[in-house]
Amino acid sequence: MMADGIRQTITALRTVVDLYIEGKVIPTEFLVLPEAKGNKTLLGLDFLNAAGIFLDVQGGKWHFSENPRKQYKFFKKTLKDFSISSFDLREDEAKHLSREQAKKLM
Protein backbone atom coordinates (compact mmCIF):
# COMPACT_ATOMS: atom_id res chain seq x y z
CA MET A 1 0.00 0.00 0.00
CA MET A 2 1.31 3.44 -0.89
CA ALA A 3 1.57 6.30 1.60
CA ASP A 4 -1.70 7.73 0.27
CA GLY A 5 -3.53 4.49 1.17
CA ILE A 6 -4.05 3.40 -2.44
CA ARG A 7 -2.95 -0.11 -3.44
CA GLN A 8 -0.84 -0.29 -6.57
CA THR A 9 1.29 -2.86 -8.33
CA ILE A 10 4.56 -1.26 -9.36
CA THR A 11 7.86 -2.42 -10.78
CA ALA A 12 10.81 -1.97 -8.47
CA LEU A 13 14.46 -2.46 -9.34
CA ARG A 14 16.96 -3.84 -6.85
CA THR A 15 20.67 -3.11 -6.69
CA VAL A 16 23.54 -3.21 -4.24
CA VAL A 17 25.70 -0.10 -3.97
CA ASP A 18 28.93 0.30 -2.00
CA LEU A 19 28.54 3.20 0.43
CA TYR A 20 31.75 4.76 1.74
CA ILE A 21 31.44 6.11 5.28
CA GLU A 22 34.48 7.34 7.21
CA GLY A 23 36.79 5.01 5.27
CA LYS A 24 34.58 1.94 5.62
CA VAL A 25 32.81 0.30 2.65
CA ILE A 26 29.27 -0.92 3.34
CA PRO A 27 27.52 -2.85 0.52
CA THR A 28 23.90 -1.64 0.76
CA GLU A 29 20.80 -2.90 -1.03
CA PHE A 30 18.53 -0.29 -2.59
CA LEU A 31 15.08 -0.65 -4.11
CA VAL A 32 14.52 1.80 -6.96
CA LEU A 33 11.08 2.89 -8.10
CA PRO A 34 11.68 3.99 -11.73
CA GLU A 35 8.53 6.11 -11.89
CA ALA A 36 9.27 8.03 -8.67
CA LYS A 37 10.72 11.51 -9.03
CA GLY A 38 12.58 13.71 -6.56
CA ASN A 39 12.84 11.14 -3.78
CA LYS A 40 15.30 11.17 -0.92
CA THR A 41 16.88 8.03 0.49
CA LEU A 42 16.43 7.06 4.11
CA LEU A 43 18.76 4.41 5.48
CA GLY A 44 17.14 2.36 8.23
CA LEU A 45 17.94 -0.07 11.01
CA ASP A 46 18.96 -2.79 8.56
CA PHE A 47 21.68 -0.48 7.23
CA LEU A 48 22.84 0.59 10.70
CA ASN A 49 23.05 -3.06 11.75
CA ALA A 50 24.95 -4.16 8.61
CA ALA A 51 27.38 -1.24 8.98
CA GLY A 52 27.86 -1.83 12.72
CA ILE A 53 26.87 1.75 13.50
CA PHE A 54 25.77 2.73 17.00
CA LEU A 55 23.86 5.99 17.44
CA ASP A 56 24.04 8.20 20.53
CA VAL A 57 21.19 10.52 19.61
CA GLN A 58 21.15 12.35 22.94
CA GLY A 59 24.90 12.96 22.72
CA GLY A 60 24.71 13.92 19.03
CA LYS A 61 27.32 11.39 17.95
CA TRP A 62 27.83 7.89 16.53
CA HIS A 63 30.52 5.22 16.21
CA PHE A 64 31.32 1.92 14.53
CA SER A 65 30.94 -1.15 16.75
CA GLU A 66 34.56 -2.23 16.21
CA ASN A 67 35.94 1.09 17.49
CA PRO A 68 33.65 2.75 20.07
CA ARG A 69 36.38 5.19 21.12
CA LYS A 70 36.40 6.83 17.67
CA GLN A 71 33.27 9.02 17.80
CA TYR A 72 31.74 11.06 14.98
CA LYS A 73 29.44 14.05 15.51
CA PHE A 74 26.11 14.44 13.74
CA PHE A 75 25.90 17.40 11.39
CA LYS A 76 23.28 19.10 9.27
CA LYS A 77 23.78 19.65 5.58
CA THR A 78 21.35 21.49 3.36
CA LEU A 79 20.29 20.06 0.01
CA LYS A 80 22.06 22.78 -1.94
CA ASP A 81 25.38 21.38 -0.65
CA PHE A 82 24.73 17.91 -2.04
CA SER A 83 26.25 16.89 -5.33
CA ILE A 84 24.92 14.32 -7.76
CA SER A 85 27.36 11.89 -9.27
CA SER A 86 27.09 9.21 -11.88
CA PHE A 87 27.86 5.57 -11.32
CA ASP A 88 28.63 2.50 -13.37
CA LEU A 89 26.80 -0.77 -12.98
CA ARG A 90 28.86 -3.88 -12.49
CA GLU A 91 28.14 -6.53 -15.09
CA ASP A 92 26.20 -8.68 -12.60
CA GLU A 93 24.08 -5.75 -11.35
CA ALA A 94 22.18 -5.33 -14.61
CA LYS A 95 21.38 -9.00 -15.11
CA HIS A 96 17.97 -8.69 -13.41
CA LEU A 97 16.93 -5.76 -15.61
CA SER A 98 15.28 -5.82 -18.98
CA ARG A 99 17.38 -4.46 -21.83
CA GLU A 100 15.29 -1.26 -21.82
CA GLN A 101 15.74 -0.76 -18.06
CA ALA A 102 19.48 -1.31 -18.28
CA LYS A 103 19.75 1.22 -21.15
CA LYS A 104 17.97 3.86 -19.04
CA LEU A 105 20.58 3.47 -16.30
CA MET A 106 23.62 3.53 -18.59
PDB file of N, CA and C in Angstrom:
ATOM      1  N   MET A   1       0.845  -1.167   0.000  1.00  0.00           N
ATOM      2  CA  MET A   1       0.000   0.000   0.000  1.00  0.00           C
ATOM      3  C   MET A   1       0.896   1.238   0.000  1.00  0.00           C
ATOM      4  N   MET A   2       0.535   2.206  -0.788  1.00  0.00           N
ATOM      5  CA  MET A   2       1.307   3.435  -0.886  1.00  0.00           C
ATOM      6  C   MET A   2       0.976   4.338   0.303  1.00  0.00           C
ATOM      7  N   ALA A   3       1.773   5.392   0.479  1.00  0.00           N
ATOM      8  CA  ALA A   3       1.573   6.303   1.602  1.00  0.00           C
ATOM      9  C   ALA A   3       0.200   6.967   1.570  1.00  0.00           C
ATOM     10  N   ASP A   4      -0.385   7.103   0.378  1.00  0.00           N
ATOM     11  CA  ASP A   4      -1.703   7.730   0.267  1.00  0.00           C
ATOM     12  C   ASP A   4      -2.838   6.745   0.517  1.00  0.00           C
ATOM     13  N   GLY A   5      -2.512   5.493   0.857  1.00  0.00           N
ATOM     14  CA  GLY A   5      -3.527   4.493   1.168  1.00  0.00           C
ATOM     15  C   GLY A   5      -4.048   3.730  -0.032  1.00  0.00           C
ATOM     16  N   ILE A   6      -3.584   4.059  -1.222  1.00  0.00           N
ATOM     17  CA  ILE A   6      -4.048   3.401  -2.443  1.00  0.00           C
ATOM     18  C   ILE A   6      -3.126   2.226  -2.763  1.00  0.00           C
ATOM     19  N   ARG A   7      -3.736   1.072  -3.056  1.00  0.00           N
ATOM     20  CA  ARG A   7      -2.948  -0.108  -3.436  1.00  0.00           C
ATOM     21  C   ARG A   7      -2.583  -0.015  -4.911  1.00  0.00           C
ATOM     22  N   GLN A   8      -1.319  -0.298  -5.196  1.00  0.00           N
ATOM     23  CA  GLN A   8      -0.837  -0.292  -6.572  1.00  0.00           C
ATOM     24  C   GLN A   8       0.157  -1.432  -6.756  1.00  0.00           C
ATOM     25  N   THR A   9       0.230  -1.925  -7.967  1.00  0.00           N
ATOM     26  CA  THR A   9       1.288  -2.856  -8.326  1.00  0.00           C
ATOM     27  C   THR A   9       2.294  -2.064  -9.143  1.00  0.00           C
ATOM     28  N   ILE A  10       3.526  -2.029  -8.676  1.00  0.00           N
ATOM     29  CA  ILE A  10       4.560  -1.257  -9.364  1.00  0.00           C
ATOM     30  C   ILE A  10       5.788  -2.132  -9.574  1.00  0.00           C
ATOM     31  N   THR A  11       6.598  -1.741 -10.526  1.00  0.00           N
ATOM     32  CA  THR A  11       7.858  -2.422 -10.782  1.00  0.00           C
ATOM     33  C   THR A  11       8.940  -1.732  -9.964  1.00  0.00           C
ATOM     34  N   ALA A  12       9.695  -2.511  -9.237  1.00  0.00           N
ATOM     35  CA  ALA A  12      10.812  -1.971  -8.466  1.00  0.00           C
ATOM     36  C   ALA A  12      12.090  -2.669  -8.920  1.00  0.00           C
ATOM     37  N   LEU A  13      13.148  -1.918  -8.992  1.00  0.00           N
ATOM     38  CA  LEU A  13      14.457  -2.460  -9.341  1.00  0.00           C
ATOM     39  C   LEU A  13      15.269  -2.603  -8.057  1.00  0.00           C
ATOM     40  N   ARG A  14      16.137  -3.582  -8.024  1.00  0.00           N
ATOM     41  CA  ARG A  14      16.959  -3.840  -6.849  1.00  0.00           C
ATOM     42  C   ARG A  14      18.425  -3.804  -7.255  1.00  0.00           C
ATOM     43  N   THR A  15      19.233  -3.146  -6.435  1.00  0.00           N
ATOM     44  CA  THR A  15      20.666  -3.114  -6.693  1.00  0.00           C
ATOM     45  C   THR A  15      21.419  -3.023  -5.375  1.00  0.00           C
ATOM     46  N   VAL A  16      22.673  -3.368  -5.402  1.00  0.00           N
ATOM     47  CA  VAL A  16      23.542  -3.214  -4.239  1.00  0.00           C
ATOM     48  C   VAL A  16      24.610  -2.184  -4.600  1.00  0.00           C
ATOM     49  N   VAL A  17      24.753  -1.183  -3.745  1.00  0.00           N
ATOM     50  CA  VAL A  17      25.702  -0.098  -3.973  1.00  0.00           C
ATOM     51  C   VAL A  17      26.672  -0.055  -2.795  1.00  0.00           C
ATOM     52  N   ASP A  18      27.943   0.134  -3.070  1.00  0.00           N
ATOM     53  CA  ASP A  18      28.926   0.296  -2.001  1.00  0.00           C
ATOM     54  C   ASP A  18      28.871   1.730  -1.491  1.00  0.00           C
ATOM     55  N   LEU A  19      28.534   1.890  -0.203  1.00  0.00           N
ATOM     56  CA  LEU A  19      28.545   3.205   0.431  1.00  0.00           C
ATOM     57  C   LEU A  19      29.847   3.347   1.207  1.00  0.00           C
ATOM     58  N   TYR A  20      30.493   4.490   1.065  1.00  0.00           N
ATOM     59  CA  TYR A  20      31.754   4.759   1.740  1.00  0.00           C
ATOM     60  C   TYR A  20      31.489   5.739   2.877  1.00  0.00           C
ATOM     61  N   ILE A  21      31.708   5.277   4.112  1.00  0.00           N
ATOM     62  CA  ILE A  21      31.445   6.111   5.282  1.00  0.00           C
ATOM     63  C   ILE A  21      32.667   6.070   6.188  1.00  0.00           C
ATOM     64  N   GLU A  22      33.306   7.222   6.349  1.00  0.00           N
ATOM     65  CA  GLU A  22      34.483   7.341   7.212  1.00  0.00           C
ATOM     66  C   GLU A  22      35.502   6.233   6.942  1.00  0.00           C
ATOM     67  N   GLY A  23      35.777   5.976   5.665  1.00  0.00           N
ATOM     68  CA  GLY A  23      36.787   5.005   5.271  1.00  0.00           C
ATOM     69  C   GLY A  23      36.338   3.558   5.261  1.00  0.00           C
ATOM     70  N   LYS A  24      35.109   3.307   5.597  1.00  0.00           N
ATOM     71  CA  LYS A  24      34.580   1.944   5.620  1.00  0.00           C
ATOM     72  C   LYS A  24      33.630   1.769   4.440  1.00  0.00           C
ATOM     73  N   VAL A  25      33.690   0.598   3.779  1.00  0.00           N
ATOM     74  CA  VAL A  25      32.810   0.301   2.646  1.00  0.00           C
ATOM     75  C   VAL A  25      31.681  -0.592   3.146  1.00  0.00           C
ATOM     76  N   ILE A  26      30.437  -0.154   2.909  1.00  0.00           N
ATOM     77  CA  ILE A  26      29.272  -0.923   3.337  1.00  0.00           C
ATOM     78  C   ILE A  26      28.406  -1.223   2.120  1.00  0.00           C
ATOM     79  N   PRO A  27      28.410  -2.481   1.622  1.00  0.00           N
ATOM     80  CA  PRO A  27      27.515  -2.846   0.518  1.00  0.00           C
ATOM     81  C   PRO A  27      26.068  -2.733   1.012  1.00  0.00           C
ATOM     82  N   THR A  28      25.255  -1.948   0.300  1.00  0.00           N
ATOM     83  CA  THR A  28      23.902  -1.643   0.758  1.00  0.00           C
ATOM     84  C   THR A  28      22.894  -1.883  -0.355  1.00  0.00           C
ATOM     85  N   GLU A  29      21.843  -2.618  -0.041  1.00  0.00           N
ATOM     86  CA  GLU A  29      20.800  -2.905  -1.026  1.00  0.00           C
ATOM     87  C   GLU A  29      19.833  -1.727  -1.117  1.00  0.00           C
ATOM     88  N   PHE A  30      19.500  -1.347  -2.338  1.00  0.00           N
ATOM     89  CA  PHE A  30      18.528  -0.293  -2.591  1.00  0.00           C
ATOM     90  C   PHE A  30      17.422  -0.831  -3.483  1.00  0.00           C
ATOM     91  N   LEU A  31      16.209  -0.404  -3.218  1.00  0.00           N
ATOM     92  CA  LEU A  31      15.085  -0.645  -4.114  1.00  0.00           C
ATOM     93  C   LEU A  31      14.811   0.664  -4.824  1.00  0.00           C
ATOM     94  N   VAL A  32      14.713   0.607  -6.141  1.00  0.00           N
ATOM     95  CA  VAL A  32      14.520   1.799  -6.957  1.00  0.00           C
ATOM     96  C   VAL A  32      13.150   1.722  -7.602  1.00  0.00           C
ATOM     97  N   LEU A  33      12.377   2.782  -7.449  1.00  0.00           N
ATOM     98  CA  LEU A  33      11.077   2.886  -8.102  1.00  0.00           C
ATOM     99  C   LEU A  33      11.262   3.782  -9.319  1.00  0.00           C
ATOM    100  N   PRO A  34      11.343   3.213 -10.526  1.00  0.00           N
ATOM    101  CA  PRO A  34      11.675   3.985 -11.726  1.00  0.00           C
ATOM    102  C   PRO A  34      10.738   5.158 -11.998  1.00  0.00           C
ATOM    103  N   GLU A  35       9.493   5.045 -11.611  1.00  0.00           N
ATOM    104  CA  GLU A  35       8.532   6.110 -11.886  1.00  0.00           C
ATOM    105  C   GLU A  35       8.580   7.231 -10.849  1.00  0.00           C
ATOM    106  N   ALA A  36       9.227   7.030  -9.730  1.00  0.00           N
ATOM    107  CA  ALA A  36       9.272   8.033  -8.666  1.00  0.00           C
ATOM    108  C   ALA A  36      10.251   9.145  -9.042  1.00  0.00           C
ATOM    109  N   LYS A  37       9.889  10.355  -8.710  1.00  0.00           N
ATOM    110  CA  LYS A  37      10.724  11.513  -9.029  1.00  0.00           C
ATOM    111  C   LYS A  37      11.010  12.312  -7.764  1.00  0.00           C
ATOM    112  N   GLY A  38      12.216  12.804  -7.642  1.00  0.00           N
ATOM    113  CA  GLY A  38      12.581  13.709  -6.558  1.00  0.00           C
ATOM    114  C   GLY A  38      12.587  13.089  -5.173  1.00  0.00           C
ATOM    115  N   ASN A  39      12.843  11.796  -5.084  1.00  0.00           N
ATOM    116  CA  ASN A  39      12.841  11.136  -3.779  1.00  0.00           C
ATOM    117  C   ASN A  39      14.170  11.299  -3.063  1.00  0.00           C
ATOM    118  N   LYS A  40      14.101  11.187  -1.754  1.00  0.00           N
ATOM    119  CA  LYS A  40      15.301  11.169  -0.924  1.00  0.00           C
ATOM    120  C   LYS A  40      15.431   9.770  -0.349  1.00  0.00           C
ATOM    121  N   THR A  41      16.636   9.363  -0.046  1.00  0.00           N
ATOM    122  CA  THR A  41      16.883   8.027   0.488  1.00  0.00           C
ATOM    123  C   THR A  41      17.010   8.093   1.999  1.00  0.00           C
ATOM    124  N   LEU A  42      16.341   7.170   2.662  1.00  0.00           N
ATOM    125  CA  LEU A  42      16.428   7.060   4.113  1.00  0.00           C
ATOM    126  C   LEU A  42      16.997   5.689   4.439  1.00  0.00           C
ATOM    127  N   LEU A  43      18.141   5.675   5.085  1.00  0.00           N
ATOM    128  CA  LEU A  43      18.757   4.412   5.478  1.00  0.00           C
ATOM    129  C   LEU A  43      18.219   4.035   6.851  1.00  0.00           C
ATOM    130  N   GLY A  44      17.808   2.773   7.006  1.00  0.00           N
ATOM    131  CA  GLY A  44      17.135   2.355   8.228  1.00  0.00           C
ATOM    132  C   GLY A  44      17.976   1.471   9.126  1.00  0.00           C
ATOM    133  N   LEU A  45      17.278   0.789  10.030  1.00  0.00           N
ATOM    134  CA  LEU A  45      17.938  -0.073  11.009  1.00  0.00           C
ATOM    135  C   LEU A  45      18.726  -1.199  10.365  1.00  0.00           C
ATOM    136  N   ASP A  46      18.225  -1.724   9.239  1.00  0.00           N
ATOM    137  CA  ASP A  46      18.965  -2.792   8.563  1.00  0.00           C
ATOM    138  C   ASP A  46      20.338  -2.299   8.116  1.00  0.00           C
ATOM    139  N   PHE A  47      20.399  -1.068   7.630  1.00  0.00           N
ATOM    140  CA  PHE A  47      21.680  -0.484   7.226  1.00  0.00           C
ATOM    141  C   PHE A  47      22.588  -0.266   8.440  1.00  0.00           C
ATOM    142  N   LEU A  48      22.044   0.333   9.501  1.00  0.00           N
ATOM    143  CA  LEU A  48      22.843   0.591  10.702  1.00  0.00           C
ATOM    144  C   LEU A  48      23.414  -0.708  11.263  1.00  0.00           C
ATOM    145  N   ASN A  49      22.606  -1.754  11.263  1.00  0.00           N
ATOM    146  CA  ASN A  49      23.049  -3.057  11.755  1.00  0.00           C
ATOM    147  C   ASN A  49      24.154  -3.639  10.866  1.00  0.00           C
ATOM    148  N   ALA A  50      23.954  -3.617   9.546  1.00  0.00           N
ATOM    149  CA  ALA A  50      24.948  -4.157   8.610  1.00  0.00           C
ATOM    150  C   ALA A  50      26.269  -3.387   8.694  1.00  0.00           C
ATOM    151  N   ALA A  51      26.181  -2.075   8.915  1.00  0.00           N
ATOM    152  CA  ALA A  51      27.377  -1.236   8.984  1.00  0.00           C
ATOM    153  C   ALA A  51      28.034  -1.278  10.361  1.00  0.00           C
ATOM    154  N   GLY A  52      27.320  -1.820  11.356  1.00  0.00           N
ATOM    155  CA  GLY A  52      27.856  -1.828  12.718  1.00  0.00           C
ATOM    156  C   GLY A  52      27.911  -0.441  13.317  1.00  0.00           C
ATOM    157  N   ILE A  53      26.902   0.377  13.006  1.00  0.00           N
ATOM    158  CA  ILE A  53      26.866   1.754  13.498  1.00  0.00           C
ATOM    159  C   ILE A  53      25.987   1.832  14.741  1.00  0.00           C
ATOM    160  N   PHE A  54      26.519   2.467  15.776  1.00  0.00           N
ATOM    161  CA  PHE A  54      25.769   2.726  17.000  1.00  0.00           C
ATOM    162  C   PHE A  54      25.501   4.222  17.092  1.00  0.00           C
ATOM    163  N   LEU A  55      24.253   4.595  17.341  1.00  0.00           N
ATOM    164  CA  LEU A  55      23.864   5.995  17.443  1.00  0.00           C
ATOM    165  C   LEU A  55      23.726   6.402  18.905  1.00  0.00           C
ATOM    166  N   ASP A  56      24.274   7.557  19.244  1.00  0.00           N
ATOM    167  CA  ASP A  56      24.036   8.198  20.534  1.00  0.00           C
ATOM    168  C   ASP A  56      23.299   9.490  20.211  1.00  0.00           C
ATOM    169  N   VAL A  57      21.990   9.375  20.058  1.00  0.00           N
ATOM    170  CA  VAL A  57      21.189  10.518  19.611  1.00  0.00           C
ATOM    171  C   VAL A  57      21.260  11.648  20.627  1.00  0.00           C
ATOM    172  N   GLN A  58      21.115  11.324  21.898  1.00  0.00           N
ATOM    173  CA  GLN A  58      21.148  12.350  22.936  1.00  0.00           C
ATOM    174  C   GLN A  58      22.489  13.087  22.948  1.00  0.00           C
ATOM    175  N   GLY A  59      23.567  12.350  22.737  1.00  0.00           N
ATOM    176  CA  GLY A  59      24.896  12.958  22.717  1.00  0.00           C
ATOM    177  C   GLY A  59      25.267  13.576  21.383  1.00  0.00           C
ATOM    178  N   GLY A  60      24.444  13.342  20.342  1.00  0.00           N
ATOM    179  CA  GLY A  60      24.707  13.918  19.027  1.00  0.00           C
ATOM    180  C   GLY A  60      25.914  13.322  18.330  1.00  0.00           C
ATOM    181  N   LYS A  61      26.157  12.019  18.578  1.00  0.00           N
ATOM    182  CA  LYS A  61      27.319  11.392  17.949  1.00  0.00           C
ATOM    183  C   LYS A  61      27.027   9.927  17.649  1.00  0.00           C
ATOM    184  N   TRP A  62      27.959   9.300  16.904  1.00  0.00           N
ATOM    185  CA  TRP A  62      27.833   7.887  16.535  1.00  0.00           C
ATOM    186  C   TRP A  62      29.219   7.284  16.422  1.00  0.00           C
ATOM    187  N   HIS A  63      29.254   5.918  16.390  1.00  0.00           N
ATOM    188  CA  HIS A  63      30.524   5.221  16.209  1.00  0.00           C
ATOM    189  C   HIS A  63      30.277   3.854  15.587  1.00  0.00           C
ATOM    190  N   PHE A  64      31.362   3.294  15.031  1.00  0.00           N
ATOM    191  CA  PHE A  64      31.318   1.925  14.526  1.00  0.00           C
ATOM    192  C   PHE A  64      31.521   0.972  15.702  1.00  0.00           C
ATOM    193  N   SER A  65      30.876  -0.184  15.644  1.00  0.00           N
ATOM    194  CA  SER A  65      30.944  -1.147  16.747  1.00  0.00           C
ATOM    195  C   SER A  65      32.368  -1.620  17.033  1.00  0.00           C
ATOM    196  N   GLU A  66      33.203  -1.719  16.000  1.00  0.00           N
ATOM    197  CA  GLU A  66      34.559  -2.233  16.215  1.00  0.00           C
ATOM    198  C   GLU A  66      35.503  -1.202  16.837  1.00  0.00           C
ATOM    199  N   ASN A  67      35.084   0.063  16.907  1.00  0.00           N
ATOM    200  CA  ASN A  67      35.944   1.092  17.490  1.00  0.00           C
ATOM    201  C   ASN A  67      35.092   2.146  18.203  1.00  0.00           C
ATOM    202  N   PRO A  68      34.534   1.809  19.374  1.00  0.00           N
ATOM    203  CA  PRO A  68      33.646   2.747  20.066  1.00  0.00           C
ATOM    204  C   PRO A  68      34.345   4.007  20.574  1.00  0.00           C
ATOM    205  N   ARG A  69      35.664   3.989  20.647  1.00  0.00           N
ATOM    206  CA  ARG A  69      36.379   5.191  21.117  1.00  0.00           C
ATOM    207  C   ARG A  69      36.480   6.265  20.038  1.00  0.00           C
ATOM    208  N   LYS A  70      36.368   5.856  18.781  1.00  0.00           N
ATOM    209  CA  LYS A  70      36.399   6.827  17.673  1.00  0.00           C
ATOM    210  C   LYS A  70      34.966   7.281  17.418  1.00  0.00           C
ATOM    211  N   GLN A  71      34.630   8.487  17.874  1.00  0.00           N
ATOM    212  CA  GLN A  71      33.269   9.020  17.800  1.00  0.00           C
ATOM    213  C   GLN A  71      33.175  10.056  16.671  1.00  0.00           C
ATOM    214  N   TYR A  72      32.017  10.090  16.040  1.00  0.00           N
ATOM    215  CA  TYR A  72      31.741  11.063  14.981  1.00  0.00           C
ATOM    216  C   TYR A  72      30.517  11.873  15.384  1.00  0.00           C
ATOM    217  N   LYS A  73      30.569  13.189  15.163  1.00  0.00           N
ATOM    218  CA  LYS A  73      29.443  14.052  15.506  1.00  0.00           C
ATOM    219  C   LYS A  73      28.431  14.072  14.372  1.00  0.00           C
ATOM    220  N   PHE A  74      27.151  14.202  14.743  1.00  0.00           N
ATOM    221  CA  PHE A  74      26.114  14.437  13.742  1.00  0.00           C
ATOM    222  C   PHE A  74      26.308  15.846  13.194  1.00  0.00           C
ATOM    223  N   PHE A  75      25.871  16.056  11.956  1.00  0.00           N
ATOM    224  CA  PHE A  75      25.899  17.400  11.389  1.00  0.00           C
ATOM    225  C   PHE A  75      24.727  17.562  10.446  1.00  0.00           C
ATOM    226  N   LYS A  76      24.362  18.793  10.212  1.00  0.00           N
ATOM    227  CA  LYS A  76      23.283  19.097   9.272  1.00  0.00           C
ATOM    228  C   LYS A  76      23.905  19.591   7.985  1.00  0.00           C
ATOM    229  N   LYS A  77      23.306  19.202   6.889  1.00  0.00           N
ATOM    230  CA  LYS A  77      23.780  19.647   5.584  1.00  0.00           C
ATOM    231  C   LYS A  77      22.551  19.950   4.739  1.00  0.00           C
ATOM    232  N   THR A  78      22.507  21.126   4.166  1.00  0.00           N
ATOM    233  CA  THR A  78      21.354  21.492   3.359  1.00  0.00           C
ATOM    234  C   THR A  78      21.460  20.856   1.983  1.00  0.00           C
ATOM    235  N   LEU A  79      20.317  20.699   1.322  1.00  0.00           N
ATOM    236  CA  LEU A  79      20.292  20.060   0.008  1.00  0.00           C
ATOM    237  C   LEU A  79      21.155  20.772  -1.017  1.00  0.00           C
ATOM    238  N   LYS A  80      21.273  22.069  -0.936  1.00  0.00           N
ATOM    239  CA  LYS A  80      22.060  22.781  -1.942  1.00  0.00           C
ATOM    240  C   LYS A  80      23.538  22.387  -1.889  1.00  0.00           C
ATOM    241  N   ASP A  81      23.988  21.810  -0.769  1.00  0.00           N
ATOM    242  CA  ASP A  81      25.378  21.382  -0.646  1.00  0.00           C
ATOM    243  C   ASP A  81      25.629  19.981  -1.196  1.00  0.00           C
ATOM    244  N   PHE A  82      24.574  19.266  -1.535  1.00  0.00           N
ATOM    245  CA  PHE A  82      24.734  17.910  -2.036  1.00  0.00           C
ATOM    246  C   PHE A  82      25.104  17.935  -3.510  1.00  0.00           C
ATOM    247  N   SER A  83      25.933  17.005  -3.914  1.00  0.00           N
ATOM    248  CA  SER A  83      26.250  16.887  -5.330  1.00  0.00           C
ATOM    249  C   SER A  83      25.711  15.562  -5.844  1.00  0.00           C
ATOM    250  N   ILE A  84      25.423  15.531  -7.111  1.00  0.00           N
ATOM    251  CA  ILE A  84      24.924  14.325  -7.758  1.00  0.00           C
ATOM    252  C   ILE A  84      26.053  13.773  -8.607  1.00  0.00           C
ATOM    253  N   SER A  85      26.292  12.495  -8.480  1.00  0.00           N
ATOM    254  CA  SER A  85      27.359  11.894  -9.271  1.00  0.00           C
ATOM    255  C   SER A  85      26.822  10.697 -10.029  1.00  0.00           C
ATOM    256  N   SER A  86      27.497  10.370 -11.087  1.00  0.00           N
ATOM    257  CA  SER A  86      27.086   9.213 -11.879  1.00  0.00           C
ATOM    258  C   SER A  86      27.754   7.965 -11.322  1.00  0.00           C
ATOM    259  N   PHE A  87      27.281   6.826 -11.765  1.00  0.00           N
ATOM    260  CA  PHE A  87      27.857   5.570 -11.325  1.00  0.00           C
ATOM    261  C   PHE A  87      27.794   4.577 -12.459  1.00  0.00           C
ATOM    262  N   ASP A  88      28.623   3.584 -12.390  1.00  0.00           N
ATOM    263  CA  ASP A  88      28.630   2.504 -13.368  1.00  0.00           C
ATOM    264  C   ASP A  88      28.094   1.246 -12.715  1.00  0.00           C
ATOM    265  N   LEU A  89      27.295   0.510 -13.458  1.00  0.00           N
ATOM    266  CA  LEU A  89      26.800  -0.774 -12.976  1.00  0.00           C
ATOM    267  C   LEU A  89      27.847  -1.841 -13.222  1.00  0.00           C
ATOM    268  N   ARG A  90      28.030  -2.708 -12.239  1.00  0.00           N
ATOM    269  CA  ARG A  90      28.859  -3.878 -12.492  1.00  0.00           C
ATOM    270  C   ARG A  90      28.079  -4.788 -13.425  1.00  0.00           C
ATOM    271  N   GLU A  91      28.778  -5.644 -14.117  1.00  0.00           N
ATOM    272  CA  GLU A  91      28.143  -6.531 -15.092  1.00  0.00           C
ATOM    273  C   GLU A  91      27.006  -7.338 -14.461  1.00  0.00           C
ATOM    274  N   ASP A  92      27.219  -7.847 -13.251  1.00  0.00           N
ATOM    275  CA  ASP A  92      26.204  -8.683 -12.605  1.00  0.00           C
ATOM    276  C   ASP A  92      25.022  -7.882 -12.068  1.00  0.00           C
ATOM    277  N   GLU A  93      25.170  -6.556 -11.902  1.00  0.00           N
ATOM    278  CA  GLU A  93      24.078  -5.753 -11.354  1.00  0.00           C
ATOM    279  C   GLU A  93      22.937  -5.573 -12.347  1.00  0.00           C
ATOM    280  N   ALA A  94      23.217  -5.574 -13.616  1.00  0.00           N
ATOM    281  CA  ALA A  94      22.179  -5.330 -14.614  1.00  0.00           C
ATOM    282  C   ALA A  94      21.492  -6.606 -15.078  1.00  0.00           C
ATOM    283  N   LYS A  95      21.914  -7.743 -14.582  1.00  0.00           N
ATOM    284  CA  LYS A  95      21.376  -8.998 -15.108  1.00  0.00           C
ATOM    285  C   LYS A  95      19.899  -9.209 -14.787  1.00  0.00           C
ATOM    286  N   HIS A  96      19.380  -8.544 -13.774  1.00  0.00           N
ATOM    287  CA  HIS A  96      17.972  -8.694 -13.412  1.00  0.00           C
ATOM    288  C   HIS A  96      17.078  -7.677 -14.125  1.00  0.00           C
ATOM    289  N   LEU A  97      17.683  -6.798 -14.917  1.00  0.00           N
ATOM    290  CA  LEU A  97      16.933  -5.756 -15.611  1.00  0.00           C
ATOM    291  C   LEU A  97      16.630  -6.174 -17.039  1.00  0.00           C
ATOM    292  N   SER A  98      15.533  -5.633 -17.554  1.00  0.00           N
ATOM    293  CA  SER A  98      15.276  -5.822 -18.977  1.00  0.00           C
ATOM    294  C   SER A  98      16.293  -4.981 -19.743  1.00  0.00           C
ATOM    295  N   ARG A  99      16.431  -5.227 -21.018  1.00  0.00           N
ATOM    296  CA  ARG A  99      17.381  -4.465 -21.831  1.00  0.00           C
ATOM    297  C   ARG A  99      17.036  -2.969 -21.785  1.00  0.00           C
ATOM    298  N   GLU A 100      15.738  -2.661 -21.840  1.00  0.00           N
ATOM    299  CA  GLU A 100      15.291  -1.263 -21.818  1.00  0.00           C
ATOM    300  C   GLU A 100      15.639  -0.602 -20.481  1.00  0.00           C
ATOM    301  N   GLN A 101      15.423  -1.305 -19.379  1.00  0.00           N
ATOM    302  CA  GLN A 101      15.737  -0.759 -18.062  1.00  0.00           C
ATOM    303  C   GLN A 101      17.232  -0.520 -17.916  1.00  0.00           C
ATOM    304  N   ALA A 102      18.035  -1.450 -18.368  1.00  0.00           N
ATOM    305  CA  ALA A 102      19.484  -1.306 -18.279  1.00  0.00           C
ATOM    306  C   ALA A 102      19.963  -0.118 -19.110  1.00  0.00           C
ATOM    307  N   LYS A 103      19.378   0.091 -20.295  1.00  0.00           N
ATOM    308  CA  LYS A 103      19.754   1.225 -21.150  1.00  0.00           C
ATOM    309  C   LYS A 103      19.471   2.550 -20.456  1.00  0.00           C
ATOM    310  N   LYS A 104      18.334   2.628 -19.739  1.00  0.00           N
ATOM    311  CA  LYS A 104      17.975   3.864 -19.041  1.00  0.00           C
ATOM    312  C   LYS A 104      18.997   4.227 -17.970  1.00  0.00           C
ATOM    313  N   LEU A 105      19.610   3.226 -17.367  1.00  0.00           N
ATOM    314  CA  LEU A 105      20.576   3.470 -16.304  1.00  0.00           C
ATOM    315  C   LEU A 105      21.973   3.748 -16.820  1.00  0.00           C
ATOM    316  N   MET A 106      22.260   3.381 -18.067  1.00  0.00           N
ATOM    317  CA  MET A 106      23.622   3.528 -18.589  1.00  0.00           C
ATOM    318  C   MET A 106      23.779   4.783 -19.386  1.00  0.00           C
TER     319      MET A 106
END
